Amino acid sequence: MSKRWLSILGVILFFVAVFCAGFVFFYSRIPKSEAEITGKQPSGDDASASPGSLINTALPPSQLVDAHGSKVDEQILRRGRVVVVFLTLECDACLTESKFLETILNKRKDVTFYGLVPFGRPANALDAEDTFPFKIFYDESGSFVSRMGINRVPVKVFLEDGIIRKGWIGAVRSDKSKTSFVEWLESLP
């Protein structure tokens, strides 16, 4: 082979190697399955789960801002019973989840719902405030979402006085899963 063909072959092999390395890199970033995250198999679309290592642990520190860019006192999530819903505007399942949650927000006056936009720009939180039926926060530094292990939306996390008690990955879609969530909510002592 001539030097020219060897050079062309070298360039082709280089691009193939870069492509393969890129594929491996991005493939490893795909969110894990729910079973991998929680250590248990989901049951239908009512997958009750949160990263298993966080259940019964204190909520990690946060640097949240509201939809107008004002810093949020993180104690707001640490007082009483709170459901934090991680969602984005670009997520159809989040919009579906929001419509369902809107129907049950007033079932329990002792449970407060907040939305948290974990990805994107702070302006997304302002846009989301007009779309979702609860107060919206944005994770300014991204560290809170990282510590929580949130890599997909929607996710709901139930807190009691800042302790993570329960979580759900994905939107409730079927009547069975909606009924199950409402029954859980109503059964809180």
Protein backbone atom coordinates (compact mmCIF):
# COMPACT_ATOMS: atom_id res chain seq x y z
CA MET A 1 0.00 0.00 0.00
CA SER A 2 1.10 3.49 -0.66
CA LYS A 3 1.64 6.06 2.09
CA ARG A 4 -1.45 7.91 0.92
CA TRP A 5 -3.71 4.89 1.45
CA LEU A 6 -2.15 4.21 4.83
CA SER A 7 -2.84 7.82 5.84
CA ILE A 8 -6.47 7.55 4.71
CA LEU A 9 -6.86 4.25 6.55
CA GLY A 10 -5.35 5.83 9.69
CA VAL A 11 -7.82 8.73 9.53
CA ILE A 12 -10.75 6.33 9.08
CA LEU A 13 -9.62 4.21 12.03
CA PHE A 14 -9.22 7.35 14.13
CA PHE A 15 -12.82 8.43 13.41
CA VAL A 16 -14.13 4.92 14.09
CA ALA A 17 -12.32 4.93 17.45
CA VAL A 18 -13.72 8.39 18.31
CA PHE A 19 -17.22 7.26 17.35
CA CYS A 20 -16.97 4.13 19.52
CA ALA A 21 -15.60 6.08 22.48
CA GLY A 22 -18.41 8.64 22.12
CA PHE A 23 -21.00 5.89 21.93
CA VAL A 24 -19.70 4.27 25.12
CA PHE A 25 -19.54 7.64 26.89
CA PHE A 26 -23.11 8.68 26.03
CA TYR A 27 -24.57 5.19 26.47
CA SER A 28 -23.22 5.13 30.03
CA ARG A 29 -25.12 8.38 30.72
CA ILE A 30 -28.55 6.93 29.85
CA PRO A 31 -30.72 6.84 32.99
CA LYS A 32 -30.74 3.48 34.72
CA SER A 33 -33.82 1.36 34.85
CA GLU A 34 -36.05 1.73 37.86
CA ALA A 35 -35.05 -1.69 39.14
CA GLU A 36 -31.38 -0.66 39.07
CA ILE A 37 -32.14 2.54 40.99
CA THR A 38 -34.40 1.09 43.65
CA GLY A 39 -33.28 -2.52 43.87
CA LYS A 40 -36.86 -3.71 43.40
CA GLN A 41 -39.09 -4.38 40.45
CA PRO A 42 -41.77 -1.78 39.65
CA SER A 43 -45.38 -2.87 39.80
CA GLY A 44 -47.18 -1.58 36.73
CA ASP A 45 -47.09 2.15 36.18
CA ASP A 46 -47.49 2.78 39.89
CA ALA A 47 -43.82 2.28 40.50
CA SER A 48 -43.34 3.33 44.09
CA ALA A 49 -39.67 4.03 44.35
CA SER A 50 -36.94 6.45 45.18
CA PRO A 51 -33.24 5.84 45.22
CA GLY A 52 -33.20 3.21 47.95
CA SER A 53 -30.22 4.64 49.77
CA LEU A 54 -32.15 7.88 50.47
CA ILE A 55 -35.28 6.47 52.13
CA ASN A 56 -35.37 7.47 55.82
CA THR A 57 -32.46 9.87 55.41
CA ALA A 58 -32.38 13.63 55.77
CA LEU A 59 -33.00 15.74 52.71
CA PRO A 60 -29.64 16.95 51.34
CA PRO A 61 -28.78 20.66 51.47
CA SER A 62 -30.17 22.74 48.63
CA GLN A 63 -29.65 26.03 46.85
CA LEU A 64 -33.08 26.55 45.39
CA VAL A 65 -34.49 29.70 43.86
CA ASP A 66 -38.10 30.51 43.14
CA ALA A 67 -39.47 31.34 39.72
CA HIS A 68 -38.38 34.96 40.14
CA GLY A 69 -34.78 34.09 41.02
CA SER A 70 -35.08 34.77 44.76
CA LYS A 71 -33.28 32.34 47.05
CA VAL A 72 -35.64 29.91 48.79
CA ASP A 73 -35.23 29.14 52.49
CA GLU A 74 -34.49 25.42 52.35
CA GLN A 75 -36.41 24.98 55.61
CA ILE A 76 -39.61 25.23 53.55
CA LEU A 77 -38.97 21.62 52.47
CA ARG A 78 -38.00 20.52 55.98
CA ARG A 79 -41.13 21.54 57.87
CA GLY A 80 -44.13 19.25 58.01
CA ARG A 81 -45.29 16.96 55.24
CA VAL A 82 -44.11 17.89 51.78
CA VAL A 83 -44.31 16.27 48.35
CA VAL A 84 -41.63 17.54 45.97
CA VAL A 85 -42.43 16.86 42.31
CA PHE A 86 -39.41 16.96 40.00
CA LEU A 87 -40.64 17.95 36.53
CA THR A 88 -39.93 19.96 33.40
CA LEU A 89 -42.07 21.72 30.80
CA GLU A 90 -40.63 19.60 28.00
CA CYS A 91 -41.87 16.37 29.58
CA ASP A 92 -45.32 15.16 28.48
CA ALA A 93 -45.47 12.73 31.42
CA CYS A 94 -44.84 15.70 33.75
CA LEU A 95 -47.80 17.55 32.26
CA THR A 96 -49.96 14.44 32.71
CA GLU A 97 -48.74 14.09 36.29
CA SER A 98 -49.49 17.74 36.95
CA LYS A 99 -53.08 17.41 35.76
CA PHE A 100 -53.60 14.43 38.05
CA LEU A 101 -51.98 16.13 41.06
CA GLU A 102 -54.09 19.24 40.52
CA THR A 103 -57.18 17.14 41.28
CA ILE A 104 -55.85 16.01 44.68
CA LEU A 105 -53.89 19.02 45.97
CA ASN A 106 -56.58 19.92 48.48
CA LYS A 107 -57.32 16.42 49.76
CA ARG A 108 -54.92 16.96 52.67
CA LYS A 109 -54.34 20.43 54.10
CA ASP A 110 -51.36 19.08 56.07
CA VAL A 111 -49.44 18.03 52.91
CA THR A 112 -47.83 20.74 50.79
CA PHE A 113 -46.86 20.12 47.16
CA TYR A 114 -43.94 21.91 45.50
CA GLY A 115 -42.55 21.53 42.00
CA LEU A 116 -38.83 21.50 41.31
CA VAL A 117 -37.35 22.04 37.85
CA PRO A 118 -34.12 20.06 38.04
CA PHE A 119 -32.73 20.66 34.56
CA GLY A 120 -32.48 23.55 32.16
CA ARG A 121 -32.29 27.28 32.75
CA PRO A 122 -33.71 29.30 35.65
CA ALA A 123 -36.14 30.91 33.20
CA ASN A 124 -37.72 27.45 32.82
CA ALA A 125 -38.90 27.70 36.43
CA LEU A 126 -40.68 30.97 35.67
CA ASP A 127 -42.36 29.42 32.63
CA ALA A 128 -43.27 26.35 34.69
CA GLU A 129 -44.95 28.46 37.35
CA ASP A 130 -47.70 29.29 34.87
CA THR A 131 -48.14 25.63 33.91
CA PHE A 132 -48.05 23.63 37.12
CA PRO A 133 -50.56 23.94 39.99
CA PHE A 134 -48.02 24.37 42.80
CA LYS A 135 -45.18 26.68 43.70
CA ILE A 136 -42.12 25.98 41.50
CA PHE A 137 -38.45 26.06 42.48
CA TYR A 138 -35.29 25.72 40.44
CA ASP A 139 -32.08 23.94 41.53
CA GLU A 140 -29.66 26.79 40.93
CA SER A 141 -26.42 24.87 41.40
CA GLY A 142 -27.63 21.45 40.29
CA SER A 143 -26.08 19.94 43.41
CA PHE A 144 -29.41 19.18 45.13
CA VAL A 145 -30.67 17.18 42.16
CA SER A 146 -27.32 15.40 41.94
CA ARG A 147 -27.37 14.45 45.63
CA MET A 148 -30.93 13.22 45.26
CA GLY A 149 -29.92 11.04 42.31
CA ILE A 150 -32.59 12.54 40.06
CA ASN A 151 -31.79 11.77 36.43
CA ARG A 152 -35.29 11.65 34.96
CA VAL A 153 -38.68 13.24 35.46
CA PRO A 154 -41.33 13.10 36.74
CA VAL A 155 -40.32 11.95 40.21
CA LYS A 156 -42.29 12.57 43.40
CA VAL A 157 -40.64 12.48 46.83
CA PHE A 158 -42.58 12.54 50.11
CA LEU A 159 -40.86 14.20 53.10
CA GLU A 160 -41.79 14.36 56.75
CA ASP A 161 -39.91 17.10 58.61
CA GLY A 162 -37.07 16.89 56.08
CA ILE A 163 -36.77 13.10 56.13
CA ILE A 164 -37.31 11.26 52.84
CA ARG A 165 -40.07 8.71 53.45
CA LYS A 166 -41.30 7.60 50.03
CA GLY A 167 -40.87 8.27 46.35
CA TRP A 168 -42.32 7.51 42.95
CA ILE A 169 -40.58 7.43 39.59
CA GLY A 170 -42.75 8.21 36.57
CA ALA A 171 -46.24 9.57 36.14
CA VAL A 172 -49.31 7.85 37.49
CA ARG A 173 -51.29 6.99 34.39
CA SER A 174 -53.71 4.14 35.02
CA ASP A 175 -56.80 4.40 37.17
CA LYS A 176 -55.28 1.77 39.46
CA SER A 177 -52.11 3.81 40.04
CA LYS A 178 -54.12 7.01 40.57
CA THR A 179 -56.34 5.27 43.09
CA SER A 180 -53.30 3.81 44.82
CA PHE A 181 -51.66 7.24 45.19
CA VAL A 182 -54.88 8.84 46.49
CA GLU A 183 -55.35 5.99 48.98
CA TRP A 184 -51.77 6.42 50.19
CA LEU A 185 -52.31 10.16 50.60
CA GLU A 186 -55.59 9.70 52.46
CA SER A 187 -54.10 7.00 54.72
CA LEU A 188 -51.46 9.30 56.21
CA PRO A 189 -52.11 9.54 59.95
